[in-house]
Amino acid sequence: MEELKTIMEKFAASGWDFIAVPAQQWLDGKSDPDALAAVIKQADEECGSCGCELDPLYKRALALL
């Protein structure tokens, strides 16, 4: 759970509202896990190979959810 929290903190601090807002909601305990997984999956499809530090975290977060 600590690993997932760390990943969500990185997503929340990313500046990309698409992933930052749902990640912050998860950190605040106000997130639907299925909706969060859908957002992370879409983020991985759209940006998962751009070369940024978040790329490997999308798949890891999905595995941990």
N, C-alpha and C. Protein backbone atom coordinates (compact mmCIF):
# COMPACT_ATOMS: atom_id res chain seq x y z
N MET A 1 0.82 -1.20 0.00
CA MET A 1 0.00 0.00 0.00
C MET A 1 0.87 1.26 0.00
N GLU A 2 2.01 1.20 0.67
CA GLU A 2 2.90 2.36 0.71
C GLU A 2 3.45 2.67 -0.68
N GLU A 3 3.75 1.63 -1.45
CA GLU A 3 4.23 1.85 -2.81
C GLU A 3 3.17 2.55 -3.66
N LEU A 4 1.93 2.11 -3.53
CA LEU A 4 0.84 2.73 -4.29
C LEU A 4 0.66 4.19 -3.86
N LYS A 5 0.77 4.45 -2.58
CA LYS A 5 0.65 5.83 -2.08
C LYS A 5 1.74 6.71 -2.68
N THR A 6 2.95 6.20 -2.74
CA THR A 6 4.07 6.95 -3.32
C THR A 6 3.81 7.26 -4.79
N ILE A 7 3.30 6.28 -5.52
CA ILE A 7 2.98 6.48 -6.94
C ILE A 7 1.89 7.53 -7.08
N MET A 8 0.86 7.44 -6.27
CA MET A 8 -0.24 8.41 -6.35
C MET A 8 0.25 9.82 -6.01
N GLU A 9 1.18 9.93 -5.08
CA GLU A 9 1.75 11.23 -4.76
C GLU A 9 2.50 11.81 -5.96
N LYS A 10 3.21 10.95 -6.68
CA LYS A 10 3.91 11.41 -7.90
C LYS A 10 2.92 11.83 -8.97
N PHE A 11 1.84 11.07 -9.14
CA PHE A 11 0.81 11.44 -10.09
C PHE A 11 0.19 12.78 -9.70
N ALA A 12 -0.13 12.94 -8.42
CA ALA A 12 -0.78 14.16 -7.94
C ALA A 12 0.11 15.39 -8.15
N ALA A 13 1.41 15.20 -8.06
CA ALA A 13 2.35 16.31 -8.21
C ALA A 13 2.80 16.52 -9.65
N SER A 14 2.26 15.73 -10.57
CA SER A 14 2.74 15.74 -11.95
C SER A 14 2.41 17.02 -12.72
N GLY A 15 1.36 17.71 -12.30
CA GLY A 15 0.94 18.90 -13.04
C GLY A 15 0.00 18.58 -14.21
N TRP A 16 -0.19 17.29 -14.49
CA TRP A 16 -1.11 16.87 -15.54
C TRP A 16 -2.45 16.56 -14.88
N ASP A 17 -3.38 17.50 -14.99
CA ASP A 17 -4.66 17.39 -14.28
C ASP A 17 -5.38 16.08 -14.54
N PHE A 18 -5.23 15.54 -15.74
CA PHE A 18 -5.92 14.30 -16.09
C PHE A 18 -5.61 13.20 -15.09
N ILE A 19 -4.36 13.10 -14.65
CA ILE A 19 -3.96 12.07 -13.69
C ILE A 19 -3.81 12.64 -12.28
N ALA A 20 -3.46 13.92 -12.18
CA ALA A 20 -3.21 14.52 -10.87
C ALA A 20 -4.47 14.61 -10.02
N VAL A 21 -5.56 15.02 -10.61
CA VAL A 21 -6.81 15.19 -9.85
C VAL A 21 -7.32 13.85 -9.31
N PRO A 22 -7.45 12.81 -10.13
CA PRO A 22 -7.91 11.53 -9.58
C PRO A 22 -6.94 10.94 -8.55
N ALA A 23 -5.65 11.16 -8.76
CA ALA A 23 -4.67 10.65 -7.80
C ALA A 23 -4.83 11.35 -6.46
N GLN A 24 -5.04 12.67 -6.49
CA GLN A 24 -5.24 13.41 -5.24
C GLN A 24 -6.53 12.98 -4.56
N GLN A 25 -7.55 12.71 -5.34
CA GLN A 25 -8.81 12.21 -4.77
C GLN A 25 -8.57 10.88 -4.06
N TRP A 26 -7.76 10.02 -4.67
CA TRP A 26 -7.44 8.73 -4.05
C TRP A 26 -6.70 8.97 -2.73
N LEU A 27 -5.73 9.87 -2.76
CA LEU A 27 -4.98 10.18 -1.55
C LEU A 27 -5.89 10.73 -0.45
N ASP A 28 -6.92 11.45 -0.85
CA ASP A 28 -7.87 12.02 0.10
C ASP A 28 -8.95 11.04 0.52
N GLY A 29 -8.91 9.82 -0.03
CA GLY A 29 -9.90 8.81 0.31
C GLY A 29 -11.24 9.02 -0.36
N LYS A 30 -11.25 9.75 -1.47
CA LYS A 30 -12.51 10.09 -2.14
C LYS A 30 -12.53 9.58 -3.58
N SER A 31 -11.98 8.41 -3.81
CA SER A 31 -11.87 7.91 -5.18
C SER A 31 -12.54 6.56 -5.34
N ASP A 32 -13.15 6.38 -6.48
CA ASP A 32 -13.70 5.08 -6.87
C ASP A 32 -12.56 4.31 -7.53
N PRO A 33 -12.17 3.16 -6.98
CA PRO A 33 -11.04 2.41 -7.53
C PRO A 33 -11.19 2.04 -9.01
N ASP A 34 -12.40 1.73 -9.43
CA ASP A 34 -12.61 1.37 -10.84
C ASP A 34 -12.41 2.58 -11.74
N ALA A 35 -12.91 3.73 -11.32
CA ALA A 35 -12.74 4.95 -12.11
C ALA A 35 -11.27 5.35 -12.15
N LEU A 36 -10.58 5.21 -11.04
CA LEU A 36 -9.15 5.53 -10.99
C LEU A 36 -8.37 4.62 -11.92
N ALA A 37 -8.67 3.34 -11.90
CA ALA A 37 -7.99 2.39 -12.78
C ALA A 37 -8.22 2.75 -14.25
N ALA A 38 -9.42 3.18 -14.58
CA ALA A 38 -9.73 3.56 -15.97
C ALA A 38 -8.90 4.78 -16.38
N VAL A 39 -8.76 5.75 -15.49
CA VAL A 39 -7.97 6.94 -15.78
C VAL A 39 -6.50 6.58 -15.97
N ILE A 40 -5.98 5.74 -15.08
CA ILE A 40 -4.58 5.35 -15.18
C ILE A 40 -4.33 4.57 -16.46
N LYS A 41 -5.25 3.68 -16.82
CA LYS A 41 -5.11 2.92 -18.06
C LYS A 41 -5.10 3.85 -19.27
N GLN A 42 -5.98 4.84 -19.28
CA GLN A 42 -6.02 5.78 -20.39
C GLN A 42 -4.74 6.62 -20.42
N ALA A 43 -4.25 7.05 -19.27
CA ALA A 43 -3.01 7.82 -19.21
C ALA A 43 -1.85 6.99 -19.75
N ASP A 44 -1.83 5.71 -19.43
CA ASP A 44 -0.78 4.83 -19.94
C ASP A 44 -0.86 4.72 -21.45
N GLU A 45 -2.08 4.61 -21.99
CA GLU A 45 -2.25 4.52 -23.44
C GLU A 45 -1.83 5.81 -24.14
N GLU A 46 -2.15 6.95 -23.54
CA GLU A 46 -1.85 8.23 -24.16
C GLU A 46 -0.40 8.67 -23.98
N CYS A 47 0.19 8.33 -22.85
CA CYS A 47 1.48 8.92 -22.49
C CYS A 47 2.47 7.90 -21.94
N GLY A 48 2.12 6.65 -21.95
CA GLY A 48 2.93 5.63 -21.28
C GLY A 48 4.26 5.30 -21.93
N SER A 49 4.55 5.92 -23.06
CA SER A 49 5.83 5.65 -23.71
C SER A 49 6.53 6.94 -24.14
N CYS A 50 6.24 8.02 -23.43
CA CYS A 50 6.82 9.31 -23.81
C CYS A 50 8.24 9.48 -23.27
N GLY A 51 8.62 8.64 -22.32
CA GLY A 51 9.96 8.72 -21.77
C GLY A 51 10.05 9.44 -20.44
N CYS A 52 8.92 9.89 -19.89
CA CYS A 52 8.97 10.59 -18.61
C CYS A 52 9.02 9.59 -17.46
N GLU A 53 9.25 10.10 -16.26
CA GLU A 53 9.38 9.23 -15.10
C GLU A 53 8.08 8.52 -14.73
N LEU A 54 6.96 8.99 -15.23
CA LEU A 54 5.67 8.38 -14.89
C LEU A 54 5.38 7.12 -15.72
N ASP A 55 6.02 6.99 -16.86
CA ASP A 55 5.72 5.88 -17.77
C ASP A 55 5.64 4.52 -17.07
N PRO A 56 6.66 4.09 -16.33
CA PRO A 56 6.58 2.76 -15.71
C PRO A 56 5.59 2.71 -14.53
N LEU A 57 5.23 3.87 -14.01
CA LEU A 57 4.36 3.89 -12.84
C LEU A 57 2.91 3.58 -13.17
N TYR A 58 2.50 3.85 -14.41
CA TYR A 58 1.10 3.55 -14.77
C TYR A 58 0.81 2.07 -14.61
N LYS A 59 1.64 1.24 -15.22
CA LYS A 59 1.41 -0.22 -15.15
C LYS A 59 1.57 -0.74 -13.72
N ARG A 60 2.53 -0.18 -12.99
CA ARG A 60 2.74 -0.63 -11.61
C ARG A 60 1.53 -0.25 -10.76
N ALA A 61 1.01 0.94 -10.93
CA ALA A 61 -0.17 1.36 -10.17
C ALA A 61 -1.36 0.46 -10.47
N LEU A 62 -1.54 0.13 -11.73
CA LEU A 62 -2.64 -0.77 -12.09
C LEU A 62 -2.48 -2.13 -11.43
N ALA A 63 -1.25 -2.62 -11.39
CA ALA A 63 -1.00 -3.92 -10.76
C ALA A 63 -1.30 -3.87 -9.25
N LEU A 64 -1.02 -2.74 -8.64
CA LEU A 64 -1.22 -2.61 -7.20
C LEU A 64 -2.68 -2.34 -6.82
N LEU A 65 -3.43 -1.77 -7.75
CA LEU A 65 -4.85 -1.52 -7.46
C LEU A 65 -5.57 -2.84 -7.42
